[in-house]
């Protein structure tokens, strides 16, 4: 039996994969679940190595991320930049999804890197949660997250007023 596929079949398959990735990116949980039920690979990745779970989590789609994890998605699958879904949500600030990922077996290494991201980008609640998951509180990372949160506020629209006030 010849198992080669035609160019048209390959093109249609590629289109279906792109649709699935878009469903994850846009939080189309029910549609994505139907594709998974039809044997779509749970850890399908785009050309940058972003898995369905990474796309759903990074874009803040908690329900979609939960469905993917329940279906067996790997919470430690890193993209081409060696970033895991937890690192993405620590950067973006999605605490509920961070908790979900940790509950589904995110590695200690990913928790450590995510704690650094949350701290650097001023995500204090996530930093505190991740520090507690490490089995000890990290005063340095939590303090850093509070400081960077202040810097982020000052670097925004109010920067000119702050600078004038400080220079006067």
C-alpha atoms as a PDB file:
ATOM      1  CA  UNK A   1       0.000   0.000   0.000  1.00  0.00           C
ATOM      2  CA  UNK A   2       1.394   3.378  -1.037  1.00  0.00           C
ATOM      3  CA  UNK A   3       1.209   5.832   1.876  1.00  0.00           C
ATOM      4  CA  UNK A   4       2.505   8.895   0.079  1.00  0.00           C
ATOM      5  CA  UNK A   5       0.180  11.837  -0.027  1.00  0.00           C
ATOM      6  CA  UNK A   6      -0.451  14.194  -2.872  1.00  0.00           C
ATOM      7  CA  UNK A   7       0.566  17.825  -2.881  1.00  0.00           C
ATOM      8  CA  UNK A   8      -3.102  18.817  -2.525  1.00  0.00           C
ATOM      9  CA  UNK A   9      -3.497  16.536   0.508  1.00  0.00           C
ATOM     10  CA  UNK A  10      -0.367  17.990   2.100  1.00  0.00           C
ATOM     11  CA  UNK A  11      -1.637  21.507   1.478  1.00  0.00           C
ATOM     12  CA  UNK A  12      -4.998  20.687   3.098  1.00  0.00           C
ATOM     13  CA  UNK A  13      -3.219  19.084   6.071  1.00  0.00           C
ATOM     14  CA  UNK A  14      -1.071  22.208   6.502  1.00  0.00           C
ATOM     15  CA  UNK A  15      -4.207  24.370   6.362  1.00  0.00           C
ATOM     16  CA  UNK A  16      -5.856  22.279   9.091  1.00  0.00           C
ATOM     17  CA  UNK A  17      -2.774  22.606  11.293  1.00  0.00           C
ATOM     18  CA  UNK A  18      -2.810  26.385  10.819  1.00  0.00           C
ATOM     19  CA  UNK A  19      -6.506  26.456  11.750  1.00  0.00           C
ATOM     20  CA  UNK A  20      -5.785  24.473  14.925  1.00  0.00           C
ATOM     21  CA  UNK A  21      -2.988  26.858  15.901  1.00  0.00           C
ATOM     22  CA  UNK A  22      -5.332  29.803  15.340  1.00  0.00           C
ATOM     23  CA  UNK A  23      -8.010  28.140  17.467  1.00  0.00           C
ATOM     24  CA  UNK A  24      -5.498  27.874  20.318  1.00  0.00           C
ATOM     25  CA  UNK A  25      -4.266  31.448  19.818  1.00  0.00           C
ATOM     26  CA  UNK A  26      -7.815  32.843  19.855  1.00  0.00           C
ATOM     27  CA  UNK A  27      -9.298  30.636  22.591  1.00  0.00           C
ATOM     28  CA  UNK A  28     -11.646  28.625  20.389  1.00  0.00           C
ATOM     29  CA  UNK A  29     -11.783  25.799  22.938  1.00  0.00           C
ATOM     30  CA  UNK A  30     -14.720  23.797  21.562  1.00  0.00           C
ATOM     31  CA  UNK A  31     -13.461  23.829  17.981  1.00  0.00           C
ATOM     32  CA  UNK A  32      -9.951  22.855  19.048  1.00  0.00           C
ATOM     33  CA  UNK A  33     -11.331  20.031  21.202  1.00  0.00           C
ATOM     34  CA  UNK A  34     -13.127  18.628  18.142  1.00  0.00           C
ATOM     35  CA  UNK A  35      -9.860  18.602  16.218  1.00  0.00           C
ATOM     36  CA  UNK A  36      -8.091  16.859  19.087  1.00  0.00           C
ATOM     37  CA  UNK A  37     -10.859  14.247  19.192  1.00  0.00           C
ATOM     38  CA  UNK A  38     -10.124  13.628  15.494  1.00  0.00           C
ATOM     39  CA  UNK A  39      -6.512  12.742  16.471  1.00  0.00           C
ATOM     40  CA  UNK A  40      -4.777  16.098  15.989  1.00  0.00           C
ATOM     41  CA  UNK A  41      -1.421  15.865  17.826  1.00  0.00           C
ATOM     42  CA  UNK A  42      -1.839  17.426  21.292  1.00  0.00           C
ATOM     43  CA  UNK A  43       1.656  18.949  21.226  1.00  0.00           C
ATOM     44  CA  UNK A  44       1.395  20.381  17.718  1.00  0.00           C
ATOM     45  CA  UNK A  45       3.760  23.351  17.265  1.00  0.00           C
ATOM     46  CA  UNK A  46       4.026  26.256  14.840  1.00  0.00           C
ATOM     47  CA  UNK A  47       7.185  27.178  12.913  1.00  0.00           C
ATOM     48  CA  UNK A  48       8.564  28.933  16.031  1.00  0.00           C
ATOM     49  CA  UNK A  49       8.052  25.884  18.208  1.00  0.00           C
ATOM     50  CA  UNK A  50       5.037  27.359  20.024  1.00  0.00           C
ATOM     51  CA  UNK A  51       2.717  24.543  21.045  1.00  0.00           C
ATOM     52  CA  UNK A  52      -1.049  24.763  21.161  1.00  0.00           C
ATOM     53  CA  UNK A  53      -0.712  25.131  24.937  1.00  0.00           C
ATOM     54  CA  UNK A  54       1.864  27.923  24.632  1.00  0.00           C
ATOM     55  CA  UNK A  55      -0.382  29.848  22.229  1.00  0.00           C
ATOM     56  CA  UNK A  56      -3.472  29.474  24.411  1.00  0.00           C
ATOM     57  CA  UNK A  57      -1.645  30.282  27.656  1.00  0.00           C
ATOM     58  CA  UNK A  58       0.355  33.228  26.295  1.00  0.00           C
ATOM     59  CA  UNK A  59      -2.811  34.797  24.913  1.00  0.00           C
ATOM     60  CA  UNK A  60      -4.670  34.450  28.204  1.00  0.00           C
ATOM     61  CA  UNK A  61      -7.145  31.709  27.275  1.00  0.00           C
ATOM     62  CA  UNK A  62      -7.511  29.838  30.555  1.00  0.00           C
ATOM     63  CA  UNK A  63     -10.338  27.551  29.431  1.00  0.00           C
ATOM     64  CA  UNK A  64      -8.425  26.487  26.326  1.00  0.00           C
ATOM     65  CA  UNK A  65      -5.229  25.917  28.317  1.00  0.00           C
ATOM     66  CA  UNK A  66      -7.169  23.834  30.844  1.00  0.00           C
ATOM     67  CA  UNK A  67      -8.703  21.700  28.099  1.00  0.00           C
ATOM     68  CA  UNK A  68      -5.293  21.126  26.494  1.00  0.00           C
ATOM     69  CA  UNK A  69      -3.709  20.153  29.809  1.00  0.00           C
ATOM     70  CA  UNK A  70      -6.595  17.783  30.573  1.00  0.00           C
ATOM     71  CA  UNK A  71      -6.051  16.205  27.155  1.00  0.00           C
ATOM     72  CA  UNK A  72      -2.369  15.614  27.958  1.00  0.00           C
ATOM     73  CA  UNK A  73      -0.500  18.644  26.612  1.00  0.00           C
ATOM     74  CA  UNK A  74       3.072  18.906  27.908  1.00  0.00           C
ATOM     75  CA  UNK A  75       3.420  21.976  30.192  1.00  0.00           C
ATOM     76  CA  UNK A  76       7.219  21.774  29.848  1.00  0.00           C
ATOM     77  CA  UNK A  77       7.400  21.811  26.053  1.00  0.00           C
ATOM     78  CA  UNK A  78       9.646  24.757  25.191  1.00  0.00           C
ATOM     79  CA  UNK A  79       9.550  26.797  21.989  1.00  0.00           C
ATOM     80  CA  UNK A  80      12.488  27.671  19.723  1.00  0.00           C
ATOM     81  CA  UNK A  81      13.568  30.331  22.261  1.00  0.00           C
ATOM     82  CA  UNK A  82      13.612  27.730  25.065  1.00  0.00           C
ATOM     83  CA  UNK A  83      10.570  29.334  26.703  1.00  0.00           C
ATOM     84  CA  UNK A  84       7.853  27.242  28.336  1.00  0.00           C
ATOM     85  CA  UNK A  85       4.179  28.195  28.659  1.00  0.00           C
ATOM     86  CA  UNK A  86       4.718  29.150  32.321  1.00  0.00           C
ATOM     87  CA  UNK A  87       7.459  31.578  31.365  1.00  0.00           C
ATOM     88  CA  UNK A  88       5.115  33.152  28.819  1.00  0.00           C
ATOM     89  CA  UNK A  89       2.300  33.651  31.325  1.00  0.00           C
ATOM     90  CA  UNK A  90       4.719  34.931  33.970  1.00  0.00           C
ATOM     91  CA  UNK A  91       5.775  37.605  31.480  1.00  0.00           C
ATOM     92  CA  UNK A  92       2.189  38.424  30.488  1.00  0.00           C
ATOM     93  CA  UNK A  93       0.794  38.321  34.030  1.00  0.00           C
ATOM     94  CA  UNK A  94      -1.859  35.586  33.852  1.00  0.00           C
ATOM     95  CA  UNK A  95      -1.842  34.268  37.416  1.00  0.00           C
ATOM     96  CA  UNK A  96      -4.728  31.801  37.029  1.00  0.00           C
ATOM     97  CA  UNK A  97      -3.032  30.142  34.068  1.00  0.00           C
ATOM     98  CA  UNK A  98       0.282  30.073  35.950  1.00  0.00           C
ATOM     99  CA  UNK A  99      -1.427  28.162  38.756  1.00  0.00           C
ATOM    100  CA  UNK A 100      -3.013  25.793  36.245  1.00  0.00           C
ATOM    101  CA  UNK A 101       0.345  25.038  34.605  1.00  0.00           C
ATOM    102  CA  UNK A 102       2.069  24.415  37.930  1.00  0.00           C
ATOM    103  CA  UNK A 103      -0.790  22.123  38.989  1.00  0.00           C
ATOM    104  CA  UNK A 104      -0.196  20.081  35.827  1.00  0.00           C
ATOM    105  CA  UNK A 105       3.477  19.399  36.428  1.00  0.00           C
ATOM    106  CA  UNK A 106       5.575  22.317  35.279  1.00  0.00           C
ATOM    107  CA  UNK A 107       9.231  21.565  36.005  1.00  0.00           C
ATOM    108  CA  UNK A 108      11.275  23.173  38.787  1.00  0.00           C
ATOM    109  CA  UNK A 109      13.552  24.701  36.144  1.00  0.00           C
ATOM    110  CA  UNK A 110      10.603  26.369  34.440  1.00  0.00           C
ATOM    111  CA  UNK A 111       9.257  27.601  37.780  1.00  0.00           C
ATOM    112  CA  UNK A 112      12.657  29.122  38.570  1.00  0.00           C
ATOM    113  CA  UNK A 113      12.928  30.893  35.200  1.00  0.00           C
ATOM    114  CA  UNK A 114       9.300  32.025  35.429  1.00  0.00           C
ATOM    115  CA  UNK A 115       9.907  33.446  38.884  1.00  0.00           C
ATOM    116  CA  UNK A 116      12.697  35.548  37.405  1.00  0.00           C
ATOM    117  CA  UNK A 117      10.437  36.741  34.550  1.00  0.00           C
ATOM    118  CA  UNK A 118       7.581  37.590  36.911  1.00  0.00           C
ATOM    119  CA  UNK A 119       9.963  39.491  39.169  1.00  0.00           C
ATOM    120  CA  UNK A 120      11.684  41.420  36.403  1.00  0.00           C
ATOM    121  CA  UNK A 121       8.409  42.418  34.741  1.00  0.00           C
ATOM    122  CA  UNK A 122       6.652  43.458  37.957  1.00  0.00           C
ATOM    123  CA  UNK A 123       4.200  40.564  38.242  1.00  0.00           C
ATOM    124  CA  UNK A 124       4.236  40.487  42.037  1.00  0.00           C
ATOM    125  CA  UNK A 125       1.339  38.080  42.597  1.00  0.00           C
ATOM    126  CA  UNK A 126       2.810  35.521  40.231  1.00  0.00           C
ATOM    127  CA  UNK A 127       6.282  35.983  41.730  1.00  0.00           C
ATOM    128  CA  UNK A 128       4.929  35.343  45.225  1.00  0.00           C
ATOM    129  CA  UNK A 129       3.016  32.269  44.100  1.00  0.00           C
ATOM    130  CA  UNK A 130       5.998  30.809  42.226  1.00  0.00           C
ATOM    131  CA  UNK A 131       8.352  31.538  45.124  1.00  0.00           C
ATOM    132  CA  UNK A 132       6.016  29.598  47.399  1.00  0.00           C
ATOM    133  CA  UNK A 133       6.013  26.703  44.902  1.00  0.00           C
ATOM    134  CA  UNK A 134       9.769  26.466  45.194  1.00  0.00           C
ATOM    135  CA  UNK A 135       9.318  25.437  48.816  1.00  0.00           C
ATOM    136  CA  UNK A 136      10.791  28.660  50.178  1.00  0.00           C
ATOM    137  CA  UNK A 137      10.072  32.331  49.804  1.00  0.00           C
ATOM    138  CA  UNK A 138      12.586  34.255  47.772  1.00  0.00           C
ATOM    139  CA  UNK A 139      12.708  37.716  49.271  1.00  0.00           C
ATOM    140  CA  UNK A 140      15.065  38.923  46.539  1.00  0.00           C
ATOM    141  CA  UNK A 141      12.721  38.023  43.643  1.00  0.00           C
ATOM    142  CA  UNK A 142       9.623  39.334  45.393  1.00  0.00           C
ATOM    143  CA  UNK A 143      11.367  42.622  46.258  1.00  0.00           C
ATOM    144  CA  UNK A 144      12.590  42.903  42.674  1.00  0.00           C
ATOM    145  CA  UNK A 145       9.052  42.406  41.339  1.00  0.00           C
ATOM    146  CA  UNK A 146       7.806  45.254  43.542  1.00  0.00           C
ATOM    147  CA  UNK A 147      10.639  47.554  42.474  1.00  0.00           C
ATOM    148  CA  UNK A 148      10.225  46.815  38.776  1.00  0.00           C
ATOM    149  CA  UNK A 149       6.495  47.396  39.119  1.00  0.00           C
ATOM    150  CA  UNK A 150       7.289  50.914  40.318  1.00  0.00           C
ATOM    151  CA  UNK A 151       9.741  51.457  37.461  1.00  0.00           C
ATOM    152  CA  UNK A 152       7.202  50.222  34.921  1.00  0.00           C
ATOM    153  CA  UNK A 153       4.652  52.737  36.248  1.00  0.00           C
ATOM    154  CA  UNK A 154       7.173  55.558  36.110  1.00  0.00           C
ATOM    155  CA  UNK A 155       8.358  54.659  32.637  1.00  0.00           C
ATOM    156  CA  UNK A 156       4.860  55.096  31.253  1.00  0.00           C
ATOM    157  CA  UNK A 157       2.888  58.290  30.582  1.00  0.00           C
ATOM    158  CA  UNK A 158       3.797  59.933  33.868  1.00  0.00           C
ATOM    159  CA  UNK A 159       7.554  59.803  33.223  1.00  0.00           C
ATOM    160  CA  UNK A 160       7.892  63.442  32.186  1.00  0.00           C
ATOM    161  CA  UNK A 161       6.049  64.697  35.253  1.00  0.00           C
ATOM    162  CA  UNK A 162       8.086  62.449  37.536  1.00  0.00           C
ATOM    163  CA  UNK A 163      11.344  63.582  35.952  1.00  0.00           C
ATOM    164  CA  UNK A 164      10.419  67.289  36.169  1.00  0.00           C
ATOM    165  CA  UNK A 165       9.435  66.879  39.801  1.00  0.00           C
ATOM    166  CA  UNK A 166      12.654  65.067  40.628  1.00  0.00           C
ATOM    167  CA  UNK A 167      14.816  67.626  38.797  1.00  0.00           C
ATOM    168  CA  UNK A 168      13.175  70.714  40.308  1.00  0.00           C
END
